[in-house]
Protein backbone atom coordinates (compact mmCIF):
# COMPACT_ATOMS: atom_id res chain seq x y z
CA MET A 1 87.10 127.65 100.57
CA LEU A 2 89.05 124.40 100.98
CA ASN A 3 91.82 125.45 98.59
CA GLY A 4 95.11 125.33 100.49
CA LYS A 5 93.66 123.78 103.65
CA ARG A 6 95.85 121.11 105.21
CA VAL A 7 93.79 118.01 106.08
CA LEU A 8 94.68 114.71 107.71
CA VAL A 9 92.66 111.72 106.50
CA ALA A 10 92.59 108.87 109.01
CA GLY A 11 91.34 105.65 107.47
CA ALA A 12 92.63 106.78 104.08
CA SER A 13 93.13 103.24 102.81
CA GLY A 14 89.51 102.21 103.41
CA TYR A 15 86.47 102.37 101.10
CA LEU A 16 85.38 105.89 102.05
CA GLY A 17 88.90 107.12 102.82
CA GLY A 18 90.02 106.43 99.27
CA PHE A 19 87.23 108.55 97.83
CA ALA A 20 87.80 111.24 100.48
CA VAL A 21 91.47 111.83 99.66
CA ARG A 22 90.58 112.18 95.97
CA GLU A 23 87.72 114.59 96.71
CA PHE A 24 89.73 116.73 99.12
CA LYS A 25 92.66 116.87 96.71
CA SER A 26 90.37 117.87 93.82
CA ARG A 27 89.18 120.81 95.92
CA GLY A 28 92.70 122.09 96.48
CA CYS A 29 93.44 120.60 99.89
CA ILE A 30 96.91 119.56 100.96
CA VAL A 31 96.21 115.98 102.03
CA ARG A 32 98.14 114.01 104.64
CA ALA A 33 97.12 110.35 104.93
CA LEU A 34 97.40 108.44 108.19
CA VAL A 35 97.97 104.76 107.38
CA ARG A 36 99.27 101.76 109.29
CA SER A 37 101.81 100.58 106.70
CA ALA A 38 103.32 101.40 103.32
CA GLY A 39 101.28 98.65 101.69
CA LYS A 40 98.07 100.34 102.80
CA SER A 41 98.99 103.52 100.89
CA GLU A 42 99.56 102.11 97.40
CA LYS A 43 96.08 102.83 95.98
CA ILE A 44 96.00 106.42 97.25
CA ARG A 45 99.64 107.51 96.96
CA GLU A 46 99.13 109.58 93.80
CA HIS A 47 96.28 111.53 95.41
CA ILE A 48 98.05 112.62 98.61
CA ASP A 49 100.80 115.05 99.48
CA GLU A 50 102.11 113.50 102.68
CA LEU A 51 102.14 110.10 104.38
CA PHE A 52 102.17 109.53 108.11
CA PHE A 53 102.63 105.98 109.36
CA GLY A 54 100.98 105.19 112.66
CA GLU A 55 98.54 102.96 114.48
CA ILE A 56 95.60 104.93 115.82
CA THR A 57 95.27 102.64 118.84
CA ASP A 58 98.87 103.46 119.85
CA PRO A 59 99.05 107.13 120.98
CA GLU A 60 102.84 107.26 120.74
CA SER A 61 102.85 106.12 117.11
CA ILE A 62 100.62 109.02 116.01
CA ARG A 63 102.50 111.69 117.91
CA GLY A 64 102.87 114.63 115.53
CA ALA A 65 100.37 113.30 113.00
CA CYS A 66 98.22 116.43 113.34
CA ASP A 67 100.98 119.03 113.46
CA ASN A 68 100.55 122.05 111.14
CA LEU A 69 97.06 121.02 109.99
CA ASP A 70 93.77 122.88 109.63
CA ALA A 71 91.47 119.88 109.89
CA VAL A 72 91.30 116.19 110.74
CA PHE A 73 88.92 113.81 108.98
CA SER A 74 88.41 110.35 110.48
CA THR A 75 86.58 107.44 108.96
CA VAL A 76 88.41 104.97 111.19
CA GLY A 77 86.37 102.04 112.47
CA ILE A 78 86.45 98.27 112.57
CA THR A 79 84.84 96.51 109.65
CA ARG A 80 86.27 93.02 109.22
CA GLN A 81 89.65 93.41 110.87
CA LYS A 82 91.14 90.29 112.43
CA ASP A 83 93.88 91.69 114.64
CA GLY A 84 92.27 91.08 118.02
CA LEU A 85 91.08 94.65 118.55
CA THR A 86 87.58 95.51 119.76
CA TYR A 87 85.20 98.27 118.70
CA MET A 88 86.04 100.16 121.88
CA ASP A 89 89.75 99.84 121.07
CA VAL A 90 89.38 101.32 117.58
CA ASP A 91 86.10 103.19 117.05
CA TYR A 92 86.23 104.83 120.47
CA GLN A 93 89.73 104.82 121.97
CA GLY A 94 91.58 105.05 118.67
CA ASN A 95 89.58 108.06 117.54
CA LEU A 96 89.92 109.57 121.02
CA ASN A 97 93.71 109.25 120.73
CA LEU A 98 93.52 111.11 117.43
CA LEU A 99 91.23 113.79 118.86
CA ARG A 100 93.64 114.44 121.73
CA GLU A 101 96.50 114.74 119.25
CA ALA A 102 94.43 117.19 117.17
CA ILE A 103 93.62 119.34 120.20
CA GLU A 104 97.27 119.42 121.25
CA ALA A 105 98.24 120.50 117.73
CA CYS A 106 95.59 123.27 117.75
CA VAL A 107 93.74 121.85 114.74
CA GLU A 108 90.68 123.94 113.89
CA LYS A 109 88.16 121.29 112.80
CA PHE A 110 87.49 117.57 113.35
CA VAL A 111 85.11 115.69 111.03
CA TYR A 112 84.08 112.21 112.16
CA VAL A 113 82.15 109.61 110.18
CA SER A 114 79.72 107.69 112.38
CA VAL A 115 76.56 105.81 111.30
CA PHE A 116 73.00 106.86 110.47
CA ASN A 117 70.44 106.39 113.25
CA ALA A 118 73.27 105.90 115.76
CA GLU A 119 71.14 107.08 118.68
CA LYS A 120 68.53 104.40 117.85
CA LEU A 121 71.07 101.61 117.35
CA GLU A 122 73.44 102.16 120.27
CA ASP A 123 72.48 98.81 121.83
CA LEU A 124 74.60 97.28 119.05
CA LYS A 125 78.26 96.83 119.97
CA ILE A 126 79.50 98.29 116.70
CA VAL A 127 77.45 101.46 117.22
CA ARG A 128 77.97 101.83 120.98
CA ALA A 129 81.66 102.62 120.52
CA LYS A 130 80.91 105.19 117.81
CA ARG A 131 78.32 106.88 120.01
CA ARG A 132 80.78 107.05 122.88
CA PHE A 133 83.29 108.83 120.67
CA GLU A 134 80.58 111.16 119.37
CA GLU A 135 79.95 112.23 122.96
CA ALA A 136 83.66 112.75 123.61
CA LEU A 137 83.89 114.90 120.48
CA LYS A 138 80.89 116.98 121.51
CA GLU A 139 82.37 117.57 124.96
CA SER A 140 85.78 118.59 123.62
CA SER A 141 86.94 122.10 122.79
CA MET A 142 87.14 121.19 119.10
CA ASP A 143 84.97 122.60 116.33
CA TYR A 144 83.42 119.47 114.82
CA THR A 145 80.97 117.91 112.40
CA ILE A 146 79.67 114.36 112.71
CA VAL A 147 78.67 112.81 109.40
CA ARG A 148 76.21 109.95 109.70
CA PRO A 149 75.92 108.04 106.42
CA ASN A 150 73.50 105.28 105.60
CA GLY A 151 74.85 101.94 104.33
CA PHE A 152 77.73 102.15 101.84
CA PHE A 153 77.38 100.71 98.34
CA SER A 154 80.26 98.40 99.30
CA ASP A 155 78.04 96.90 102.01
CA MET A 156 75.49 96.00 99.33
CA LEU A 157 77.95 93.56 97.75
CA ASP A 158 76.57 90.96 100.16
CA TYR A 159 73.34 91.07 98.13
CA LEU A 160 75.25 90.60 94.90
CA GLU A 161 77.06 87.63 96.40
CA MET A 162 73.75 86.06 97.46
CA ALA A 163 72.44 86.52 93.92
CA ARG A 164 75.62 84.96 92.52
CA LYS A 165 74.97 81.88 94.68
CA GLY A 166 71.35 81.73 93.51
CA ARG A 167 69.37 82.58 96.64
CA GLY A 168 68.83 85.74 98.71
CA TRP A 169 67.70 86.07 102.31
CA VAL A 170 65.73 88.82 104.04
CA PHE A 171 64.29 89.14 107.52
CA GLY A 172 60.56 89.62 107.89
CA SER A 173 58.78 90.80 104.75
CA GLY A 174 61.84 92.35 103.14
CA GLN A 175 59.90 95.59 102.78
CA ASN A 176 62.05 97.65 105.12
CA ARG A 177 63.69 100.50 103.22
CA ILE A 178 67.19 101.87 102.91
CA ASN A 179 68.97 104.39 100.70
CA PRO A 180 72.63 103.36 100.60
CA ILE A 181 75.21 105.84 99.37
CA HIS A 182 78.18 105.57 97.02
CA GLY A 183 81.56 106.45 98.50
CA ARG A 184 82.14 109.18 95.92
CA ASP A 185 78.85 110.90 96.79
CA LEU A 186 79.60 110.60 100.50
CA ALA A 187 83.09 112.04 99.99
CA GLU A 188 81.46 115.19 98.58
CA VAL A 189 79.31 115.42 101.73
CA CYS A 190 82.44 115.05 103.85
CA ALA A 191 84.23 117.81 101.92
CA ILE A 192 81.27 120.11 102.59
CA ALA A 193 81.43 119.10 106.27
CA LEU A 194 85.00 120.43 106.50
CA GLU A 195 83.63 123.95 106.01
CA SER A 196 80.14 123.52 107.44
CA ASP A 197 78.85 125.10 110.65
CA GLU A 198 76.54 122.11 111.06
CA THR A 199 77.52 119.75 113.86
CA LEU A 200 75.54 116.80 112.45
CA ILE A 201 74.95 115.80 108.82
CA ASP A 202 72.89 112.72 107.90
CA ALA A 203 73.39 111.40 104.37
CA GLY A 204 71.90 108.68 102.19
CA GLY A 205 71.88 107.96 98.49
CA PRO A 206 69.35 109.17 95.89
CA GLU A 207 67.33 105.91 95.74
CA ILE A 208 65.08 104.57 98.49
CA LEU A 209 64.82 100.80 98.02
CA THR A 210 63.36 97.88 99.91
CA HIS A 211 65.62 94.91 100.60
CA ASN A 212 63.46 92.90 98.21
CA GLN A 213 64.15 95.47 95.48
CA ILE A 214 67.90 95.43 96.14
CA LEU A 215 67.97 91.65 95.86
CA SER A 216 65.85 91.74 92.71
CA GLU A 217 68.31 94.19 91.13
CA ALA A 218 71.21 91.94 92.14
CA PHE A 219 69.58 88.86 90.60
CA ASP A 220 68.79 90.79 87.42
CA VAL A 221 72.38 92.00 87.09
CA MET A 222 73.60 88.44 87.59
CA ALA A 223 71.04 87.23 84.99
CA LYS A 224 69.55 84.75 87.43
CA PRO A 225 65.95 84.05 88.49
CA VAL A 226 64.85 85.85 91.64
CA LYS A 227 64.82 83.49 94.61
CA ILE A 228 64.25 85.18 97.96
CA SER A 229 63.76 83.35 101.25
CA ARG A 230 62.19 85.22 104.16
CA VAL A 231 63.29 84.55 107.72
CA PRO A 232 60.83 85.44 110.54
CA ILE A 233 62.03 88.13 112.95
CA TRP A 234 61.77 85.70 115.89
CA ALA A 235 64.20 83.37 114.11
CA ARG A 236 66.63 86.22 113.59
CA ASP A 237 66.53 86.97 117.32
CA LEU A 238 67.35 83.33 118.11
CA VAL A 239 70.26 83.39 115.66
CA LEU A 240 71.62 86.57 117.25
CA LYS A 241 71.45 85.03 120.72
CA GLY A 242 73.35 82.00 119.47
CA LEU A 243 75.98 84.14 117.77
CA ARG A 244 76.43 86.18 120.94
CA LEU A 245 77.10 83.02 122.95
CA PHE A 246 79.26 81.05 120.55
CA THR A 247 81.21 83.51 118.39
CA SER A 248 83.76 86.27 118.99
CA VAL A 249 82.86 89.94 119.04
CA ARG A 250 84.62 90.39 115.68
CA THR A 251 82.26 87.83 114.14
CA TYR A 252 79.14 88.70 116.08
CA GLY A 253 79.35 92.50 115.84
CA PRO A 254 79.09 92.94 112.04
CA LEU A 255 76.41 90.24 111.79
CA GLU A 256 74.42 91.82 114.61
CA PHE A 257 74.51 95.16 112.81
CA PHE A 258 73.65 93.70 109.40
CA MET A 259 70.77 91.57 110.71
CA THR A 260 69.32 94.50 112.66
CA VAL A 261 69.49 96.92 109.73
CA LEU A 262 67.80 94.36 107.48
CA ALA A 263 64.72 94.57 109.70
CA THR A 264 64.77 98.36 110.22
CA ASP A 265 63.80 101.32 108.03
CA MET A 266 67.02 103.25 107.36
CA VAL A 267 66.05 106.24 105.20
CA ALA A 268 68.44 109.19 105.41
CA PRO A 269 68.23 112.56 103.59
CA LYS A 270 68.86 111.88 99.89
CA THR A 271 71.99 113.13 98.18
CA GLY A 272 74.32 112.19 95.33
CA GLN A 273 73.86 110.80 91.84
CA HIS A 274 75.18 107.24 91.82
CA ARG A 275 72.71 104.39 91.34
CA LEU A 276 73.05 101.01 92.98
CA ARG A 277 72.37 99.05 89.80
CA SER A 278 75.34 100.67 88.06
CA PHE A 279 77.52 99.77 91.01
CA PHE A 280 76.32 96.16 90.84
CA GLU A 281 77.03 96.03 87.12
CA GLN A 282 80.58 97.29 87.67
CA SER A 283 81.13 94.84 90.57
CA ARG A 284 79.73 91.59 89.18
């Protein structure tokens, strides 16, 4: 049982982290949130018991963050940060710093949120760093579970924004499938992972949708006619080469991931109850 377990949530101010602290707290956990600044804690303050201020890329600043804990949960990773850090700095080295701190503090369990199909996508910069940390976690002395979710509902807001502007874009036929997952549903999976003997848990949402279907839902929610343009795969490859040459890693990395996933089947084991259309309706 999780009741009474002391858990550190790293990345508590992010999309998944916010749902995780609420879920862990509802199950009786004593929750300590690791955040970079006081401003980052405002939305979660009422759902946590303790705050620890530190920067995961600075080992000295997180000294003691894991003391007197039973488990560490990390959803730390670069999304759209603009502070000059790379994926290796944050997704790999930052999480490694936290793992070392957890081992030193004799924490029992480390749960890490990676990405679905990571082993098939590790040529992508954003995934390569996550995979490297996965390997470090596996080789450590720590009891662990790696949670690999499919796309978050928050990622699907790009489709809603395209619909708002009146035209959507897909690569290839748009028939590749994905089952994105709501943060609340994924938080339940992560709570289960804290007690699970499984070392790897893949998780997607309850609906398997093509990219065409997701765009159609977005247009319908926005009460606009469906207008979808299809970009050939060869054109996508040219765009990626250009981005690699002329943009920074912070710009190129997320676009590389997004454009690759758009042309790949990403169907994870189904879980949860939340539907994408409802999320679109609440977000429009």
